[in-house]
C-alpha atoms as a PDB file:
ATOM      1  CA  MET A   1       0.000   0.000   0.000  1.00  0.00           C
ATOM      2  CA  LEU A   2       2.756   2.465   0.918  1.00  0.00           C
ATOM      3  CA  LYS A   3       4.632   1.676  -2.300  1.00  0.00           C
ATOM      4  CA  GLU A   4       1.429   2.317  -4.230  1.00  0.00           C
ATOM      5  CA  PHE A   5       0.953   5.622  -2.385  1.00  0.00           C
ATOM      6  CA  PHE A   6       4.461   6.854  -3.197  1.00  0.00           C
ATOM      7  CA  ARG A   7       4.130   5.737  -6.826  1.00  0.00           C
ATOM      8  CA  TYR A   8       0.889   7.673  -7.018  1.00  0.00           C
ATOM      9  CA  LEU A   9       2.524  10.824  -5.654  1.00  0.00           C
ATOM     10  CA  LYS A  10       5.139  10.671  -8.416  1.00  0.00           C
ATOM     11  CA  HIS A  11       2.394  10.950 -11.000  1.00  0.00           C
ATOM     12  CA  PRO A  12      -1.170  11.400  -9.708  1.00  0.00           C
ATOM     13  CA  VAL A  13      -3.694  10.079 -12.211  1.00  0.00           C
ATOM     14  CA  TYR A  14      -7.450   9.907 -12.523  1.00  0.00           C
ATOM     15  CA  ILE A  15      -8.008   6.315 -11.350  1.00  0.00           C
ATOM     16  CA  ARG A  16     -11.081   4.160 -10.874  1.00  0.00           C
ATOM     17  CA  LYS A  17     -12.469   3.856  -7.362  1.00  0.00           C
ATOM     18  CA  GLU A  18     -11.880   0.542  -5.597  1.00  0.00           C
ATOM     19  CA  PRO A  19     -13.683  -1.183  -2.716  1.00  0.00           C
ATOM     20  CA  VAL A  20     -12.166  -0.003   0.539  1.00  0.00           C
ATOM     21  CA  ASP A  21      -9.621  -2.260   2.232  1.00  0.00           C
ATOM     22  CA  GLY A  22      -9.985  -1.722   5.982  1.00  0.00           C
ATOM     23  CA  LEU A  23      -6.458  -2.858   6.804  1.00  0.00           C
ATOM     24  CA  HIS A  24      -4.888  -0.584   4.200  1.00  0.00           C
ATOM     25  CA  PHE A  25      -7.151   2.285   5.276  1.00  0.00           C
ATOM     26  CA  PHE A  26      -5.993   2.172   8.902  1.00  0.00           C
ATOM     27  CA  LEU A  27      -2.403   1.556   7.812  1.00  0.00           C
ATOM     28  CA  LEU A  28      -2.570   4.908   6.031  1.00  0.00           C
ATOM     29  CA  VAL A  29      -3.951   6.538   9.203  1.00  0.00           C
ATOM     30  CA  PHE A  30      -1.015   5.089  11.175  1.00  0.00           C
ATOM     31  CA  PHE A  31       1.398   6.152   8.436  1.00  0.00           C
ATOM     32  CA  TYR A  32       0.088   9.726   8.648  1.00  0.00           C
ATOM     33  CA  PHE A  33       0.983   9.988  12.329  1.00  0.00           C
ATOM     34  CA  ILE A  34       4.426   8.464  11.697  1.00  0.00           C
ATOM     35  CA  LEU A  35       5.085  11.297   9.241  1.00  0.00           C
ATOM     36  CA  ALA A  36       3.138  13.983  11.090  1.00  0.00           C
ATOM     37  CA  ILE A  37       4.988  13.717  14.427  1.00  0.00           C
ATOM     38  CA  PRO A  38       8.376  14.970  13.114  1.00  0.00           C
ATOM     39  CA  ALA A  39       6.527  17.400  10.814  1.00  0.00           C
ATOM     40  CA  ALA A  40       4.639  18.796  13.808  1.00  0.00           C
ATOM     41  CA  ILE A  41       7.908  19.257  15.714  1.00  0.00           C
ATOM     42  CA  SER A  42       9.346  21.220  12.779  1.00  0.00           C
ATOM     43  CA  SER A  43       6.136  23.261  12.535  1.00  0.00           C
ATOM     44  CA  ASN A  44       6.119  24.051  16.255  1.00  0.00           C
ATOM     45  CA  ILE A  45       9.724  25.267  16.094  1.00  0.00           C
ATOM     46  CA  CYS A  46       8.772  27.715  13.331  1.00  0.00           C
ATOM     47  CA  VAL A  47       5.687  28.832  15.255  1.00  0.00           C
ATOM     48  CA  LYS A  48       7.697  29.505  18.430  1.00  0.00           C
ATOM     49  CA  LEU A  49      10.492  31.294  16.576  1.00  0.00           C
ATOM     50  CA  GLU A  50       7.937  33.578  14.938  1.00  0.00           C
ATOM     51  CA  GLY A  51       6.042  34.139  18.189  1.00  0.00           C
ATOM     52  CA  LEU A  52       2.786  32.951  16.689  1.00  0.00           C
ATOM     53  CA  SER A  53      -0.278  31.777  18.563  1.00  0.00           C
ATOM     54  CA  LYS A  54      -3.485  29.937  17.768  1.00  0.00           C
ATOM     55  CA  PRO A  55      -6.904  31.379  18.665  1.00  0.00           C
ATOM     56  CA  GLU A  56      -8.386  30.190  21.939  1.00  0.00           C
ATOM     57  CA  PHE A  57     -11.677  28.294  21.733  1.00  0.00           C
ATOM     58  CA  ASP A  58     -14.202  28.971  24.479  1.00  0.00           C
ATOM     59  CA  SER A  59     -16.957  26.817  22.986  1.00  0.00           C
ATOM     60  CA  PRO A  60     -18.351  23.890  25.007  1.00  0.00           C
ATOM     61  CA  PHE A  61     -16.579  20.557  24.574  1.00  0.00           C
ATOM     62  CA  TRP A  62     -19.423  19.011  22.578  1.00  0.00           C
ATOM     63  CA  GLN A  63     -19.479  21.919  20.103  1.00  0.00           C
ATOM     64  CA  LEU A  64     -15.729  21.659  19.528  1.00  0.00           C
ATOM     65  CA  PHE A  65     -16.060  17.907  19.120  1.00  0.00           C
ATOM     66  CA  ILE A  66     -18.759  18.243  16.450  1.00  0.00           C
ATOM     67  CA  MET A  67     -16.863  20.980  14.630  1.00  0.00           C
ATOM     68  CA  VAL A  68     -13.507  19.175  14.616  1.00  0.00           C
ATOM     69  CA  VAL A  69     -14.627  15.576  14.072  1.00  0.00           C
ATOM     70  CA  PHE A  70     -17.640  16.064  11.778  1.00  0.00           C
ATOM     71  CA  LEU A  71     -18.043  19.551  10.303  1.00  0.00           C
ATOM     72  CA  ALA A  72     -14.390  20.295   9.454  1.00  0.00           C
ATOM     73  CA  PRO A  73     -13.940  17.015   7.497  1.00  0.00           C
ATOM     74  CA  LEU A  74     -17.278  17.526   5.708  1.00  0.00           C
ATOM     75  CA  PHE A  75     -16.593  21.079   4.576  1.00  0.00           C
ATOM     76  CA  GLU A  76     -12.857  20.729   3.915  1.00  0.00           C
ATOM     77  CA  GLU A  77     -13.165  17.530   1.893  1.00  0.00           C
ATOM     78  CA  THR A  78     -16.002  19.082  -0.097  1.00  0.00           C
ATOM     79  CA  LEU A  79     -14.070  22.287  -0.722  1.00  0.00           C
ATOM     80  CA  PHE A  80     -10.657  20.803  -1.520  1.00  0.00           C
ATOM     81  CA  ARG A  81     -11.264  17.299  -2.900  1.00  0.00           C
ATOM     82  CA  MET A  82     -14.865  16.818  -4.017  1.00  0.00           C
ATOM     83  CA  LEU A  83     -14.201  18.227  -7.494  1.00  0.00           C
ATOM     84  CA  LEU A  84     -11.159  16.040  -8.168  1.00  0.00           C
ATOM     85  CA  ARG A  85     -13.912  13.901  -9.686  1.00  0.00           C
ATOM     86  CA  PRO A  86     -16.157  16.504 -11.394  1.00  0.00           C
ATOM     87  CA  LEU A  87     -19.122  14.172 -11.893  1.00  0.00           C
ATOM     88  CA  LYS A  88     -22.618  15.631 -11.994  1.00  0.00           C
ATOM     89  CA  GLN A  89     -23.588  14.495  -8.495  1.00  0.00           C
ATOM     90  CA  ASN A  90     -20.323  15.786  -7.060  1.00  0.00           C
ATOM     91  CA  LEU A  91     -20.847  19.162  -8.697  1.00  0.00           C
ATOM     92  CA  TRP A  92     -24.303  19.729  -7.250  1.00  0.00           C
ATOM     93  CA  VAL A  93     -23.339  18.399  -3.809  1.00  0.00           C
ATOM     94  CA  PHE A  94     -20.372  20.795  -3.873  1.00  0.00           C
ATOM     95  CA  SER A  95     -22.677  23.667  -4.817  1.00  0.00           C
ATOM     96  CA  ILE A  96     -25.192  22.914  -2.041  1.00  0.00           C
ATOM     97  CA  ILE A  97     -22.623  22.439   0.740  1.00  0.00           C
ATOM     98  CA  ILE A  98     -20.423  25.398  -0.223  1.00  0.00           C
ATOM     99  CA  THR A  99     -23.451  27.676  -0.601  1.00  0.00           C
ATOM    100  CA  GLY A 100     -24.555  26.591   2.867  1.00  0.00           C
ATOM    101  CA  LEU A 101     -21.073  27.338   4.180  1.00  0.00           C
ATOM    102  CA  SER A 102     -21.273  30.760   2.540  1.00  0.00           C
ATOM    103  CA  VAL A 103     -24.536  31.540   4.362  1.00  0.00           C
ATOM    104  CA  SER A 104     -22.957  30.406   7.642  1.00  0.00           C
ATOM    105  CA  ARG A 105     -19.926  32.684   7.183  1.00  0.00           C
ATOM    106  CA  LEU A 106     -22.087  35.651   6.192  1.00  0.00           C
ATOM    107  CA  ILE A 107     -24.275  35.193   9.278  1.00  0.00           C
ATOM    108  CA  LYS A 108     -21.120  35.213  11.425  1.00  0.00           C
ATOM    109  CA  GLY A 109     -20.011  38.451   9.760  1.00  0.00           C
ATOM    110  CA  ASP A 110     -17.145  36.956   7.756  1.00  0.00           C
ATOM    111  CA  MET A 111     -17.922  38.819   4.551  1.00  0.00           C
ATOM    112  CA  ILE A 112     -14.773  37.924   2.609  1.00  0.00           C
ATOM    113  CA  LEU A 113     -15.045  34.134   2.982  1.00  0.00           C
ATOM    114  CA  GLY A 114     -18.828  34.338   2.718  1.00  0.00           C
ATOM    115  CA  ILE A 115     -18.593  36.039  -0.671  1.00  0.00           C
ATOM    116  CA  ILE A 116     -15.820  33.717  -1.898  1.00  0.00           C
ATOM    117  CA  PHE A 117     -17.857  30.625  -0.988  1.00  0.00           C
ATOM    118  CA  ALA A 118     -20.976  32.130  -2.554  1.00  0.00           C
ATOM    119  CA  VAL A 119     -19.120  32.703  -5.840  1.00  0.00           C
ATOM    120  CA  LEU A 120     -17.824  29.111  -5.774  1.00  0.00           C
ATOM    121  CA  GLY A 121     -21.219  27.629  -4.908  1.00  0.00           C
ATOM    122  CA  VAL A 122     -23.136  29.584  -7.536  1.00  0.00           C
ATOM    123  CA  GLY A 123     -20.349  29.571 -10.137  1.00  0.00           C
ATOM    124  CA  ILE A 124     -20.352  25.786 -10.338  1.00  0.00           C
ATOM    125  CA  ILE A 125     -24.066  25.640 -11.305  1.00  0.00           C
ATOM    126  CA  PRO A 126     -23.501  25.887 -15.113  1.00  0.00           C
ATOM    127  CA  PHE A 127     -21.238  22.835 -14.968  1.00  0.00           C
ATOM    128  CA  PHE A 128     -23.797  20.467 -13.452  1.00  0.00           C
ATOM    129  CA  SER A 129     -26.720  21.966 -15.373  1.00  0.00           C
ATOM    130  CA  SER A 130     -25.029  21.782 -18.785  1.00  0.00           C
ATOM    131  CA  PRO A 131     -23.656  18.435 -20.083  1.00  0.00           C
ATOM    132  CA  LEU A 132     -21.474  20.342 -22.566  1.00  0.00           C
ATOM    133  CA  TYR A 133     -19.748  22.457 -19.908  1.00  0.00           C
ATOM    134  CA  ARG A 134     -19.472  19.434 -17.623  1.00  0.00           C
ATOM    135  CA  LYS A 135     -17.729  17.309 -20.252  1.00  0.00           C
ATOM    136  CA  LYS A 136     -15.295  20.136 -21.007  1.00  0.00           C
ATOM    137  CA  LEU A 137     -14.506  20.477 -17.308  1.00  0.00           C
ATOM    138  CA  GLN A 138     -14.019  16.715 -16.964  1.00  0.00           C
ATOM    139  CA  ARG A 139     -11.629  16.611 -19.918  1.00  0.00           C
ATOM    140  CA  ILE A 140      -9.578  19.466 -18.460  1.00  0.00           C
ATOM    141  CA  VAL A 141      -9.391  17.836 -15.017  1.00  0.00           C
ATOM    142  CA  VAL A 142      -8.325  14.463 -16.445  1.00  0.00           C
ATOM    143  CA  ARG A 143      -5.757  16.026 -18.784  1.00  0.00           C
ATOM    144  CA  TYR A 144      -4.152  18.208 -16.129  1.00  0.00           C
ATOM    145  CA  PHE A 145      -4.969  16.044 -13.139  1.00  0.00           C
ATOM    146  CA  PRO A 146      -1.536  16.214 -11.412  1.00  0.00           C
ATOM    147  CA  TRP A 147      -1.847  20.002 -11.334  1.00  0.00           C
ATOM    148  CA  PHE A 148      -5.339  19.828  -9.820  1.00  0.00           C
ATOM    149  CA  PHE A 149      -4.253  17.170  -7.324  1.00  0.00           C
ATOM    150  CA  TYR A 150      -1.300  19.132  -5.980  1.00  0.00           C
ATOM    151  CA  ALA A 151      -3.221  22.417  -6.113  1.00  0.00           C
ATOM    152  CA  SER A 152      -5.773  20.836  -3.754  1.00  0.00           C
ATOM    153  CA  VAL A 153      -2.959  19.666  -1.457  1.00  0.00           C
ATOM    154  CA  MET A 154      -1.327  23.104  -1.370  1.00  0.00           C
ATOM    155  CA  ALA A 155      -4.598  24.962  -0.864  1.00  0.00           C
ATOM    156  CA  PHE A 156      -5.623  22.605   1.948  1.00  0.00           C
ATOM    157  CA  GLY A 157      -2.268  23.012   3.668  1.00  0.00           C
ATOM    158  CA  PHE A 158      -1.825  26.738   3.270  1.00  0.00           C
ATOM    159  CA  ILE A 159      -5.330  27.689   4.373  1.00  0.00           C
ATOM    160  CA  HIS A 160      -4.366  26.356   7.805  1.00  0.00           C
ATOM    161  CA  VAL A 161      -1.747  29.092   8.167  1.00  0.00           C
ATOM    162  CA  THR A 162      -4.700  31.375   8.942  1.00  0.00           C
ATOM    163  CA  ASN A 163      -5.017  29.478  12.243  1.00  0.00           C
ATOM    164  CA  PHE A 164      -1.954  31.401  13.435  1.00  0.00           C
ATOM    165  CA  HIS A 165      -1.693  35.006  14.522  1.00  0.00           C
ATOM    166  CA  PRO A 166      -0.337  37.512  13.785  1.00  0.00           C
ATOM    167  CA  LEU A 167      -0.081  36.918  10.037  1.00  0.00           C
ATOM    168  CA  SER A 168       2.712  38.618   8.138  1.00  0.00           C
ATOM    169  CA  LEU A 169       4.565  38.261   4.847  1.00  0.00           C
ATOM    170  CA  GLN A 170       7.330  36.343   6.626  1.00  0.00           C
ATOM    171  CA  VAL A 171       4.783  33.923   8.121  1.00  0.00           C
ATOM    172  CA  LEU A 172       3.249  33.371   4.681  1.00  0.00           C
ATOM    173  CA  LEU A 173       6.704  32.638   3.270  1.00  0.00           C
ATOM    174  CA  LEU A 174       7.208  30.091   6.051  1.00  0.00           C
ATOM    175  CA  ALA A 175       3.798  28.522   5.396  1.00  0.00           C
ATOM    176  CA  PRO A 176       5.257  25.301   3.856  1.00  0.00           C
ATOM    177  CA  PHE A 177       7.068  24.594   7.137  1.00  0.00           C
ATOM    178  CA  ILE A 178       4.312  25.816   9.468  1.00  0.00           C
ATOM    179  CA  THR A 179       1.630  23.787   7.694  1.00  0.00           C
ATOM    180  CA  LEU A 180       3.778  20.728   6.940  1.00  0.00           C
ATOM    181  CA  PRO A 181       1.501  18.321   8.899  1.00  0.00           C
ATOM    182  CA  GLN A 182      -1.505  19.544   6.881  1.00  0.00           C
ATOM    183  CA  LEU A 183       0.392  19.215   3.601  1.00  0.00           C
ATOM    184  CA  ILE A 184       1.220  15.603   4.468  1.00  0.00           C
ATOM    185  CA  MET A 185      -2.380  15.029   5.460  1.00  0.00           C
ATOM    186  CA  GLY A 186      -3.576  16.583   2.195  1.00  0.00           C
ATOM    187  CA  THR A 187      -1.536  14.177   0.064  1.00  0.00           C
ATOM    188  CA  LEU A 188      -2.906  11.165   1.943  1.00  0.00           C
ATOM    189  CA  LEU A 189      -6.464  12.501   1.775  1.00  0.00           C
ATOM    190  CA  GLY A 190      -6.129  13.098  -1.959  1.00  0.00           C
ATOM    191  CA  PHE A 191      -4.908   9.530  -2.476  1.00  0.00           C
ATOM    192  CA  VAL A 192      -7.741   8.096  -0.349  1.00  0.00           C
ATOM    193  CA  ARG A 193     -10.274  10.306  -2.151  1.00  0.00           C
ATOM    194  CA  MET A 194      -9.235   9.033  -5.568  1.00  0.00           C
ATOM    195  CA  LYS A 195      -8.724   5.395  -4.558  1.00  0.00           C
ATOM    196  CA  TYR A 196     -11.790   4.886  -2.343  1.00  0.00           C
ATOM    197  CA  GLY A 197     -14.051   7.913  -2.857  1.00  0.00           C
ATOM    198  CA  ILE A 198     -14.998  11.174  -1.160  1.00  0.00           C
ATOM    199  CA  ILE A 199     -16.902   9.490   1.706  1.00  0.00           C
ATOM    200  CA  TYR A 200     -13.779   7.612   2.734  1.00  0.00           C
ATOM    201  CA  SER A 201     -11.595  10.713   2.536  1.00  0.00           C
ATOM    202  CA  MET A 202     -14.108  12.339   4.922  1.00  0.00           C
ATOM    203  CA  VAL A 203     -13.915   9.289   7.213  1.00  0.00           C
ATOM    204  CA  PHE A 204     -10.100   9.345   7.017  1.00  0.00           C
ATOM    205  CA  HIS A 205     -10.069  13.069   7.818  1.00  0.00           C
ATOM    206  CA  SER A 206     -12.531  12.578  10.675  1.00  0.00           C
ATOM    207  CA  THR A 207     -10.466   9.705  12.117  1.00  0.00           C
ATOM    208  CA  ILE A 208      -7.285  11.773  12.150  1.00  0.00           C
ATOM    209  CA  ASN A 209      -9.098  14.748  13.687  1.00  0.00           C
ATOM    210  CA  LEU A 210     -10.687  12.511  16.325  1.00  0.00           C
ATOM    211  CA  ILE A 211      -7.321  11.082  17.374  1.00  0.00           C
ATOM    212  CA  GLY A 212      -5.778  14.567  17.375  1.00  0.00           C
ATOM    213  CA  PHE A 213      -8.703  15.941  19.363  1.00  0.00           C
ATOM    214  CA  MET A 214      -8.362  13.238  21.995  1.00  0.00           C
ATOM    215  CA  LEU A 215      -4.609  13.795  22.275  1.00  0.00           C
ATOM    216  CA  SER A 216      -4.509  17.587  22.248  1.00  0.00           C
ATOM    217  CA  GLY A 217      -8.062  18.821  22.825  1.00  0.00           C
ATOM    218  CA  ALA A 218      -8.525  20.222  19.310  1.00  0.00           C
ATOM    219  CA  HIS A 219      -7.031  19.580  15.859  1.00  0.00           C
ATOM    220  CA  LEU A 220      -8.270  21.780  13.038  1.00  0.00           C
END
């Protein structure tokens, strides 16, 4: 399984989904933590050297648990990996969930993200409503799949730099080191998404977050 994973990273391709192998699935979870522990140490060194801090959460335990273990995997897998397979059902599910996320951000007063998510949610409508546009999108994704795969990994990793404050140009330049655990996680999630499907990448994401939550109290 690990050899297959590393071969895939050399040249990500648009592969057929396979039935999930439970042993391989949990081996990948274990493998993530083997890689993430030294990556987290490197990240923490950068964070301390830059004097960064994470926001404090004063929400009740059960709210944090739901957000970290269920909502974060749902929204992040939808946003970053759902459209690696731009099938019709994936397109409209993406539109519904991201539009809902947009409404949530707007209600909380986060206008920038709210507008960005609204544009994404509404902008995808022509692709699931028009077979012609959808086929063109599918051909582009298949042809340039390695670019889309690694773009999803980078976007997933770098968005987590916003968890740290204060942000600066220097912090953004150090983002590959600060978000190294998330970049590793993103590559594994992308592989699981393509090999087993989006539901299993959500389950994989949720499993990692659950273990992290139990060990540290919160893992976003």
